[in-house]
């Protein structure tokens, strides 16, 4: 079963140029995953009561165009299955809905409109009390149903890990109460806010030219940032056509990856 969620791009989703921010795009993907899980019978409340959670481990996003305020943005998401404690979910984001399309619900027809972004993700099923991966029973994913279609072909096992060595820029970023979710750590979408802040501030500090919009991002969420962390440390190293980044707190790395422009 594929699930679709549509909404208008809001003013607070935008950057200074009135385009959708990458962090807002990822939050929209997250909301569609939550709605799909709820439709399958696994609401956030049920998962919390059961002492388990789905936690994103890796995310790949390719952006073709950033929508503007007032455009209708629809995300279609589905489970690609999984085993053990790993599961996989894809997303297609489109702008310009077909007339009469529902705002939310199961999606039988292919996504309509202009494809503006695609994403693929890997999730861990975790014991929320012990904060460790937990094997799920196969019937759990049967409730979501699985689709073989791929929105974005990526090899999660081949993503490089950067330890921050040779950084061109470093920046301390304060955390906010809104960064932390019901799982007791910084939400994965918060790291996109940290990354956007790092990309925005670093050129101003170094005197380099401003970075153009991110066209692709590959993120690995390596360790939870607890609410006790008042700040995270961001590091950036420029590459040909992009950059490597690392976001860490005092206990160690939290998120690392790469972007292209």
C-alpha atoms as a PDB file:
ATOM      1  CA  UNK A   1       0.000   0.000   0.000  1.00  0.00           C
ATOM      2  CA  UNK A   2       1.234   3.433  -0.936  1.00  0.00           C
ATOM      3  CA  UNK A   3       0.102   6.367   1.162  1.00  0.00           C
ATOM      4  CA  UNK A   4      -0.323   9.943  -0.008  1.00  0.00           C
ATOM      5  CA  UNK A   5      -0.354  13.210   1.955  1.00  0.00           C
ATOM      6  CA  UNK A   6      -0.852  16.633   0.379  1.00  0.00           C
ATOM      7  CA  UNK A   7      -0.724  20.167   1.737  1.00  0.00           C
ATOM      8  CA  UNK A   8       0.025  23.706   0.617  1.00  0.00           C
ATOM      9  CA  UNK A   9       3.543  25.015   1.184  1.00  0.00           C
ATOM     10  CA  UNK A  10       3.301  27.384   4.158  1.00  0.00           C
ATOM     11  CA  UNK A  11       5.201  30.621   4.790  1.00  0.00           C
ATOM     12  CA  UNK A  12       7.168  29.174   7.721  1.00  0.00           C
ATOM     13  CA  UNK A  13       8.395  26.354   5.452  1.00  0.00           C
ATOM     14  CA  UNK A  14      10.306  28.850   3.303  1.00  0.00           C
ATOM     15  CA  UNK A  15      13.809  30.259   3.115  1.00  0.00           C
ATOM     16  CA  UNK A  16      14.717  33.910   2.540  1.00  0.00           C
ATOM     17  CA  UNK A  17      14.140  33.445  -1.198  1.00  0.00           C
ATOM     18  CA  UNK A  18      10.588  32.160  -0.590  1.00  0.00           C
ATOM     19  CA  UNK A  19      11.470  28.592  -1.591  1.00  0.00           C
ATOM     20  CA  UNK A  20      10.756  25.478   0.457  1.00  0.00           C
ATOM     21  CA  UNK A  21      13.631  24.641   2.803  1.00  0.00           C
ATOM     22  CA  UNK A  22      15.244  21.207   2.710  1.00  0.00           C
ATOM     23  CA  UNK A  23      14.453  20.703   6.405  1.00  0.00           C
ATOM     24  CA  UNK A  24      10.757  21.431   5.760  1.00  0.00           C
ATOM     25  CA  UNK A  25      10.753  18.970   2.866  1.00  0.00           C
ATOM     26  CA  UNK A  26      12.153  16.244   5.120  1.00  0.00           C
ATOM     27  CA  UNK A  27       9.618  17.056   7.840  1.00  0.00           C
ATOM     28  CA  UNK A  28       6.865  16.596   5.301  1.00  0.00           C
ATOM     29  CA  UNK A  29       8.282  13.177   4.437  1.00  0.00           C
ATOM     30  CA  UNK A  30       8.372  12.347   8.134  1.00  0.00           C
ATOM     31  CA  UNK A  31       4.724  13.362   8.590  1.00  0.00           C
ATOM     32  CA  UNK A  32       3.678  11.145   5.684  1.00  0.00           C
ATOM     33  CA  UNK A  33       5.529   8.185   7.249  1.00  0.00           C
ATOM     34  CA  UNK A  34       3.787   8.825  10.586  1.00  0.00           C
ATOM     35  CA  UNK A  35       0.384   9.003   8.868  1.00  0.00           C
ATOM     36  CA  UNK A  36       1.059   5.812   6.905  1.00  0.00           C
ATOM     37  CA  UNK A  37       2.114   4.004  10.073  1.00  0.00           C
ATOM     38  CA  UNK A  38      -1.020   5.229  11.829  1.00  0.00           C
ATOM     39  CA  UNK A  39      -3.175   4.023   8.929  1.00  0.00           C
ATOM     40  CA  UNK A  40      -1.511   0.606   9.253  1.00  0.00           C
ATOM     41  CA  UNK A  41      -2.487   0.461  12.939  1.00  0.00           C
ATOM     42  CA  UNK A  42       0.793   1.638  14.451  1.00  0.00           C
ATOM     43  CA  UNK A  43       0.178   5.166  15.679  1.00  0.00           C
ATOM     44  CA  UNK A  44       2.808   7.081  17.620  1.00  0.00           C
ATOM     45  CA  UNK A  45       0.706   6.539  20.724  1.00  0.00           C
ATOM     46  CA  UNK A  46       0.569   2.769  20.210  1.00  0.00           C
ATOM     47  CA  UNK A  47       4.288   2.499  19.556  1.00  0.00           C
ATOM     48  CA  UNK A  48       5.037   4.558  22.665  1.00  0.00           C
ATOM     49  CA  UNK A  49       2.710   2.396  24.780  1.00  0.00           C
ATOM     50  CA  UNK A  50       4.463  -0.722  23.453  1.00  0.00           C
ATOM     51  CA  UNK A  51       7.872   0.731  24.308  1.00  0.00           C
ATOM     52  CA  UNK A  52       9.126   0.587  20.711  1.00  0.00           C
ATOM     53  CA  UNK A  53       9.841   3.097  17.961  1.00  0.00           C
ATOM     54  CA  UNK A  54      10.887   3.456  14.353  1.00  0.00           C
ATOM     55  CA  UNK A  55      14.117   5.490  14.168  1.00  0.00           C
ATOM     56  CA  UNK A  56      15.590   6.669  10.886  1.00  0.00           C
ATOM     57  CA  UNK A  57      19.174   5.494  10.338  1.00  0.00           C
ATOM     58  CA  UNK A  58      19.915   6.690   6.802  1.00  0.00           C
ATOM     59  CA  UNK A  59      18.297   9.096   4.379  1.00  0.00           C
ATOM     60  CA  UNK A  60      19.006   9.958   0.773  1.00  0.00           C
ATOM     61  CA  UNK A  61      17.244  12.909  -0.896  1.00  0.00           C
ATOM     62  CA  UNK A  62      17.509  14.236  -4.445  1.00  0.00           C
ATOM     63  CA  UNK A  63      15.799  17.571  -5.112  1.00  0.00           C
ATOM     64  CA  UNK A  64      14.912  18.603  -8.652  1.00  0.00           C
ATOM     65  CA  UNK A  65      13.142  21.824  -7.703  1.00  0.00           C
ATOM     66  CA  UNK A  66      12.223  23.581  -4.464  1.00  0.00           C
ATOM     67  CA  UNK A  67       8.512  24.530  -4.524  1.00  0.00           C
ATOM     68  CA  UNK A  68       7.343  28.014  -3.586  1.00  0.00           C
ATOM     69  CA  UNK A  69       4.693  29.290  -1.191  1.00  0.00           C
ATOM     70  CA  UNK A  70       1.133  28.358  -2.128  1.00  0.00           C
ATOM     71  CA  UNK A  71       2.045  25.367  -4.275  1.00  0.00           C
ATOM     72  CA  UNK A  72       0.386  22.099  -3.326  1.00  0.00           C
ATOM     73  CA  UNK A  73       3.028  19.557  -2.364  1.00  0.00           C
ATOM     74  CA  UNK A  74       2.080  15.881  -2.218  1.00  0.00           C
ATOM     75  CA  UNK A  75       4.275  13.101  -0.889  1.00  0.00           C
ATOM     76  CA  UNK A  76       3.611   9.470  -1.730  1.00  0.00           C
ATOM     77  CA  UNK A  77       5.378   7.005   0.556  1.00  0.00           C
ATOM     78  CA  UNK A  78       5.551   3.251   0.894  1.00  0.00           C
ATOM     79  CA  UNK A  79       7.378   0.473   2.683  1.00  0.00           C
ATOM     80  CA  UNK A  80       9.887  -1.570   0.670  1.00  0.00           C
ATOM     81  CA  UNK A  81       9.960  -4.242   3.357  1.00  0.00           C
ATOM     82  CA  UNK A  82      12.837  -5.311   5.561  1.00  0.00           C
ATOM     83  CA  UNK A  83      13.988  -7.958   7.990  1.00  0.00           C
ATOM     84  CA  UNK A  84      15.555  -8.283  11.407  1.00  0.00           C
ATOM     85  CA  UNK A  85      15.400  -4.755  12.799  1.00  0.00           C
ATOM     86  CA  UNK A  86      15.890  -2.878   9.497  1.00  0.00           C
ATOM     87  CA  UNK A  87      13.142  -1.611   7.227  1.00  0.00           C
ATOM     88  CA  UNK A  88      13.108   0.591   4.137  1.00  0.00           C
ATOM     89  CA  UNK A  89      10.800   3.389   3.022  1.00  0.00           C
ATOM     90  CA  UNK A  90      10.726   5.511  -0.140  1.00  0.00           C
ATOM     91  CA  UNK A  91       9.132   8.861  -0.985  1.00  0.00           C
ATOM     92  CA  UNK A  92       8.108  10.732  -4.136  1.00  0.00           C
ATOM     93  CA  UNK A  93       7.209  14.422  -3.790  1.00  0.00           C
ATOM     94  CA  UNK A  94       5.130  16.089  -6.464  1.00  0.00           C
ATOM     95  CA  UNK A  95       3.805  19.607  -7.053  1.00  0.00           C
ATOM     96  CA  UNK A  96       0.637  20.452  -8.955  1.00  0.00           C
ATOM     97  CA  UNK A  97      -2.000  17.947  -7.923  1.00  0.00           C
ATOM     98  CA  UNK A  98      -4.563  16.438 -10.232  1.00  0.00           C
ATOM     99  CA  UNK A  99      -8.042  17.958  -9.616  1.00  0.00           C
ATOM    100  CA  UNK A 100     -10.077  16.027  -7.073  1.00  0.00           C
ATOM    101  CA  UNK A 101      -7.122  14.218  -5.486  1.00  0.00           C
ATOM    102  CA  UNK A 102      -7.623  13.458  -1.788  1.00  0.00           C
ATOM    103  CA  UNK A 103      -5.494  15.241   0.811  1.00  0.00           C
ATOM    104  CA  UNK A 104      -4.510  12.046   2.627  1.00  0.00           C
ATOM    105  CA  UNK A 105      -5.015   8.314   2.327  1.00  0.00           C
ATOM    106  CA  UNK A 106      -4.031   5.137   0.464  1.00  0.00           C
ATOM    107  CA  UNK A 107      -2.838   5.808  -3.065  1.00  0.00           C
ATOM    108  CA  UNK A 108      -3.784   3.362  -5.811  1.00  0.00           C
ATOM    109  CA  UNK A 109      -2.817   5.436  -8.850  1.00  0.00           C
ATOM    110  CA  UNK A 110       0.725   6.638  -9.626  1.00  0.00           C
ATOM    111  CA  UNK A 111       1.638  10.052  -8.141  1.00  0.00           C
ATOM    112  CA  UNK A 112       0.319  12.948 -10.235  1.00  0.00           C
ATOM    113  CA  UNK A 113       1.965  16.272 -10.908  1.00  0.00           C
ATOM    114  CA  UNK A 114       5.567  17.368 -11.379  1.00  0.00           C
ATOM    115  CA  UNK A 115       8.114  15.274  -9.469  1.00  0.00           C
ATOM    116  CA  UNK A 116      10.164  17.780  -7.463  1.00  0.00           C
ATOM    117  CA  UNK A 117      12.068  15.417  -5.132  1.00  0.00           C
ATOM    118  CA  UNK A 118      12.642  11.731  -4.399  1.00  0.00           C
ATOM    119  CA  UNK A 119      13.991  10.044  -1.279  1.00  0.00           C
ATOM    120  CA  UNK A 120      14.914   6.666   0.163  1.00  0.00           C
ATOM    121  CA  UNK A 121      15.405   5.797   3.813  1.00  0.00           C
ATOM    122  CA  UNK A 122      16.526   3.030   6.138  1.00  0.00           C
ATOM    123  CA  UNK A 123      14.898   2.681   9.566  1.00  0.00           C
ATOM    124  CA  UNK A 124      15.711   0.736  12.717  1.00  0.00           C
ATOM    125  CA  UNK A 125      13.016  -0.782  14.892  1.00  0.00           C
ATOM    126  CA  UNK A 126      14.188  -0.102  18.451  1.00  0.00           C
ATOM    127  CA  UNK A 127      13.413  -0.933  22.037  1.00  0.00           C
ATOM    128  CA  UNK A 128      12.675   2.597  23.235  1.00  0.00           C
ATOM    129  CA  UNK A 129      13.344   1.715  26.875  1.00  0.00           C
ATOM    130  CA  UNK A 130      16.762   0.142  26.311  1.00  0.00           C
ATOM    131  CA  UNK A 131      17.639   2.354  23.325  1.00  0.00           C
ATOM    132  CA  UNK A 132      18.807  -0.547  21.212  1.00  0.00           C
ATOM    133  CA  UNK A 133      17.651  -2.241  17.978  1.00  0.00           C
ATOM    134  CA  UNK A 134      14.904  -4.836  18.368  1.00  0.00           C
ATOM    135  CA  UNK A 135      13.950  -7.553  15.890  1.00  0.00           C
ATOM    136  CA  UNK A 136      10.408  -7.227  14.605  1.00  0.00           C
ATOM    137  CA  UNK A 137       8.079 -10.039  13.652  1.00  0.00           C
ATOM    138  CA  UNK A 138       7.407 -10.382   9.884  1.00  0.00           C
ATOM    139  CA  UNK A 139       3.696  -9.778  10.378  1.00  0.00           C
ATOM    140  CA  UNK A 140       4.423  -6.236  11.510  1.00  0.00           C
ATOM    141  CA  UNK A 141       5.485  -5.196   8.008  1.00  0.00           C
ATOM    142  CA  UNK A 142       2.557  -7.119   6.560  1.00  0.00           C
ATOM    143  CA  UNK A 143       0.305  -4.525   8.184  1.00  0.00           C
ATOM    144  CA  UNK A 144       2.060  -1.797   6.201  1.00  0.00           C
ATOM    145  CA  UNK A 145       2.238  -3.950   3.058  1.00  0.00           C
ATOM    146  CA  UNK A 146       5.315  -3.651   0.867  1.00  0.00           C
ATOM    147  CA  UNK A 147       5.985  -2.329  -2.631  1.00  0.00           C
ATOM    148  CA  UNK A 148       8.942  -3.180  -4.844  1.00  0.00           C
ATOM    149  CA  UNK A 149       9.049   0.234  -6.543  1.00  0.00           C
ATOM    150  CA  UNK A 150      12.068   2.437  -5.874  1.00  0.00           C
ATOM    151  CA  UNK A 151      11.882   6.217  -5.783  1.00  0.00           C
ATOM    152  CA  UNK A 152      15.664   6.598  -5.447  1.00  0.00           C
ATOM    153  CA  UNK A 153      18.242   3.857  -5.978  1.00  0.00           C
ATOM    154  CA  UNK A 154      20.963   4.086  -3.340  1.00  0.00           C
ATOM    155  CA  UNK A 155      23.379   1.650  -1.722  1.00  0.00           C
ATOM    156  CA  UNK A 156      23.174   2.445   1.981  1.00  0.00           C
ATOM    157  CA  UNK A 157      26.167   0.201   2.729  1.00  0.00           C
ATOM    158  CA  UNK A 158      28.507   2.222   0.515  1.00  0.00           C
ATOM    159  CA  UNK A 159      28.018   5.625   2.102  1.00  0.00           C
ATOM    160  CA  UNK A 160      31.310   6.981   3.437  1.00  0.00           C
ATOM    161  CA  UNK A 161      31.730   8.078   7.041  1.00  0.00           C
ATOM    162  CA  UNK A 162      33.669  11.293   7.645  1.00  0.00           C
ATOM    163  CA  UNK A 163      35.242  11.810  11.076  1.00  0.00           C
ATOM    164  CA  UNK A 164      35.617  15.585  10.741  1.00  0.00           C
ATOM    165  CA  UNK A 165      39.331  15.559   9.943  1.00  0.00           C
ATOM    166  CA  UNK A 166      40.514  18.418   7.753  1.00  0.00           C
ATOM    167  CA  UNK A 167      37.368  20.505   8.244  1.00  0.00           C
ATOM    168  CA  UNK A 168      37.189  23.848   6.440  1.00  0.00           C
ATOM    169  CA  UNK A 169      34.554  25.241   8.798  1.00  0.00           C
ATOM    170  CA  UNK A 170      33.388  24.557  12.352  1.00  0.00           C
ATOM    171  CA  UNK A 171      30.376  26.001  14.119  1.00  0.00           C
ATOM    172  CA  UNK A 172      28.628  25.495  17.450  1.00  0.00           C
ATOM    173  CA  UNK A 173      24.843  25.380  17.025  1.00  0.00           C
ATOM    174  CA  UNK A 174      22.469  25.767  19.974  1.00  0.00           C
ATOM    175  CA  UNK A 175      19.719  23.196  20.316  1.00  0.00           C
ATOM    176  CA  UNK A 176      16.084  24.139  20.894  1.00  0.00           C
ATOM    177  CA  UNK A 177      13.302  22.436  22.771  1.00  0.00           C
ATOM    178  CA  UNK A 178      11.530  21.840  19.443  1.00  0.00           C
ATOM    179  CA  UNK A 179      14.492  19.744  18.200  1.00  0.00           C
ATOM    180  CA  UNK A 180      13.609  16.863  20.533  1.00  0.00           C
ATOM    181  CA  UNK A 181      10.812  14.385  19.958  1.00  0.00           C
ATOM    182  CA  UNK A 182       8.817  11.745  21.833  1.00  0.00           C
ATOM    183  CA  UNK A 183      11.687   9.258  21.518  1.00  0.00           C
ATOM    184  CA  UNK A 184      13.765  11.367  23.903  1.00  0.00           C
ATOM    185  CA  UNK A 185      16.395  12.561  21.435  1.00  0.00           C
ATOM    186  CA  UNK A 186      16.844  15.067  18.624  1.00  0.00           C
ATOM    187  CA  UNK A 187      14.464  14.269  15.794  1.00  0.00           C
ATOM    188  CA  UNK A 188      16.150  13.291  12.540  1.00  0.00           C
ATOM    189  CA  UNK A 189      14.591  16.294  10.780  1.00  0.00           C
ATOM    190  CA  UNK A 190      16.302  18.594  13.319  1.00  0.00           C
ATOM    191  CA  UNK A 191      19.662  17.609  11.820  1.00  0.00           C
ATOM    192  CA  UNK A 192      18.530  19.126   8.533  1.00  0.00           C
ATOM    193  CA  UNK A 193      18.029  22.390  10.424  1.00  0.00           C
ATOM    194  CA  UNK A 194      21.529  22.033  11.885  1.00  0.00           C
ATOM    195  CA  UNK A 195      22.920  21.282   8.423  1.00  0.00           C
ATOM    196  CA  UNK A 196      21.164  24.259   6.831  1.00  0.00           C
ATOM    197  CA  UNK A 197      22.497  26.526   9.595  1.00  0.00           C
ATOM    198  CA  UNK A 198      26.020  25.177   9.075  1.00  0.00           C
ATOM    199  CA  UNK A 199      25.856  25.741   5.312  1.00  0.00           C
ATOM    200  CA  UNK A 200      24.443  29.241   5.844  1.00  0.00           C
ATOM    201  CA  UNK A 201      26.876  30.422   8.526  1.00  0.00           C
ATOM    202  CA  UNK A 202      30.116  28.822   7.336  1.00  0.00           C
ATOM    203  CA  UNK A 203      30.714  31.029   4.266  1.00  0.00           C
ATOM    204  CA  UNK A 204      30.030  34.170   6.311  1.00  0.00           C
ATOM    205  CA  UNK A 205      32.643  33.102   8.856  1.00  0.00           C
ATOM    206  CA  UNK A 206      35.251  32.131   6.265  1.00  0.00           C
ATOM    207  CA  UNK A 207      34.602  34.798   3.665  1.00  0.00           C
ATOM    208  CA  UNK A 208      33.805  32.151   1.029  1.00  0.00           C
ATOM    209  CA  UNK A 209      30.981  32.501  -1.479  1.00  0.00           C
ATOM    210  CA  UNK A 210      27.525  31.442  -0.326  1.00  0.00           C
ATOM    211  CA  UNK A 211      26.608  27.871  -1.080  1.00  0.00           C
ATOM    212  CA  UNK A 212      23.939  27.288  -3.748  1.00  0.00           C
ATOM    213  CA  UNK A 213      20.826  25.223  -2.914  1.00  0.00           C
ATOM    214  CA  UNK A 214      21.389  21.588  -1.948  1.00  0.00           C
ATOM    215  CA  UNK A 215      20.473  19.244  -4.786  1.00  0.00           C
ATOM    216  CA  UNK A 216      21.241  15.959  -3.065  1.00  0.00           C
ATOM    217  CA  UNK A 217      21.895  14.901   0.498  1.00  0.00           C
ATOM    218  CA  UNK A 218      23.059  11.618   2.016  1.00  0.00           C
ATOM    219  CA  UNK A 219      22.740  11.382   5.797  1.00  0.00           C
ATOM    220  CA  UNK A 220      23.620   8.738   8.367  1.00  0.00           C
ATOM    221  CA  UNK A 221      22.190   9.186  11.857  1.00  0.00           C
ATOM    222  CA  UNK A 222      24.963   7.710  13.936  1.00  0.00           C
ATOM    223  CA  UNK A 223      24.031   8.449  17.538  1.00  0.00           C
ATOM    224  CA  UNK A 224      21.219  10.050  19.508  1.00  0.00           C
ATOM    225  CA  UNK A 225      21.556  13.636  20.734  1.00  0.00           C
ATOM    226  CA  UNK A 226      19.957  13.810  24.215  1.00  0.00           C
ATOM    227  CA  UNK A 227      17.934  16.778  25.508  1.00  0.00           C
ATOM    228  CA  UNK A 228      20.800  17.517  27.893  1.00  0.00           C
ATOM    229  CA  UNK A 229      22.943  18.622  24.940  1.00  0.00           C
ATOM    230  CA  UNK A 230      22.680  22.416  24.880  1.00  0.00           C
ATOM    231  CA  UNK A 231      24.538  22.584  21.574  1.00  0.00           C
ATOM    232  CA  UNK A 232      25.935  20.480  18.757  1.00  0.00           C
ATOM    233  CA  UNK A 233      29.191  20.998  16.884  1.00  0.00           C
ATOM    234  CA  UNK A 234      29.004  21.210  13.093  1.00  0.00           C
ATOM    235  CA  UNK A 235      31.963  20.629  10.781  1.00  0.00           C
ATOM    236  CA  UNK A 236      32.126  21.056   7.031  1.00  0.00           C
ATOM    237  CA  UNK A 237      34.676  20.216   4.364  1.00  0.00           C
ATOM    238  CA  UNK A 238      34.220  21.397   0.793  1.00  0.00           C
ATOM    239  CA  UNK A 239      34.446  18.878  -2.028  1.00  0.00           C
ATOM    240  CA  UNK A 240      34.199  19.206  -5.793  1.00  0.00           C
ATOM    241  CA  UNK A 241      30.587  20.288  -6.281  1.00  0.00           C
ATOM    242  CA  UNK A 242      29.537  19.646  -2.695  1.00  0.00           C
ATOM    243  CA  UNK A 243      30.613  19.164   0.902  1.00  0.00           C
ATOM    244  CA  UNK A 244      31.065  16.605   3.656  1.00  0.00           C
ATOM    245  CA  UNK A 245      29.532  17.376   7.038  1.00  0.00           C
ATOM    246  CA  UNK A 246      29.594  16.084  10.590  1.00  0.00           C
ATOM    247  CA  UNK A 247      27.287  17.009  13.450  1.00  0.00           C
ATOM    248  CA  UNK A 248      28.330  15.846  16.910  1.00  0.00           C
ATOM    249  CA  UNK A 249      27.683  16.450  20.584  1.00  0.00           C
ATOM    250  CA  UNK A 250      29.926  15.958  23.593  1.00  0.00           C
ATOM    251  CA  UNK A 251      29.354  12.180  23.647  1.00  0.00           C
ATOM    252  CA  UNK A 252      30.290  11.665  19.996  1.00  0.00           C
ATOM    253  CA  UNK A 253      29.057  11.839  16.373  1.00  0.00           C
ATOM    254  CA  UNK A 254      25.324  12.189  15.828  1.00  0.00           C
ATOM    255  CA  UNK A 255      24.949  12.660  12.068  1.00  0.00           C
ATOM    256  CA  UNK A 256      27.339  12.696   9.131  1.00  0.00           C
ATOM    257  CA  UNK A 257      27.035  12.677   5.372  1.00  0.00           C
ATOM    258  CA  UNK A 258      27.457  14.624   2.185  1.00  0.00           C
ATOM    259  CA  UNK A 259      25.642  17.154   0.034  1.00  0.00           C
ATOM    260  CA  UNK A 260      25.951  18.269  -3.576  1.00  0.00           C
ATOM    261  CA  UNK A 261      24.902  21.623  -4.988  1.00  0.00           C
END
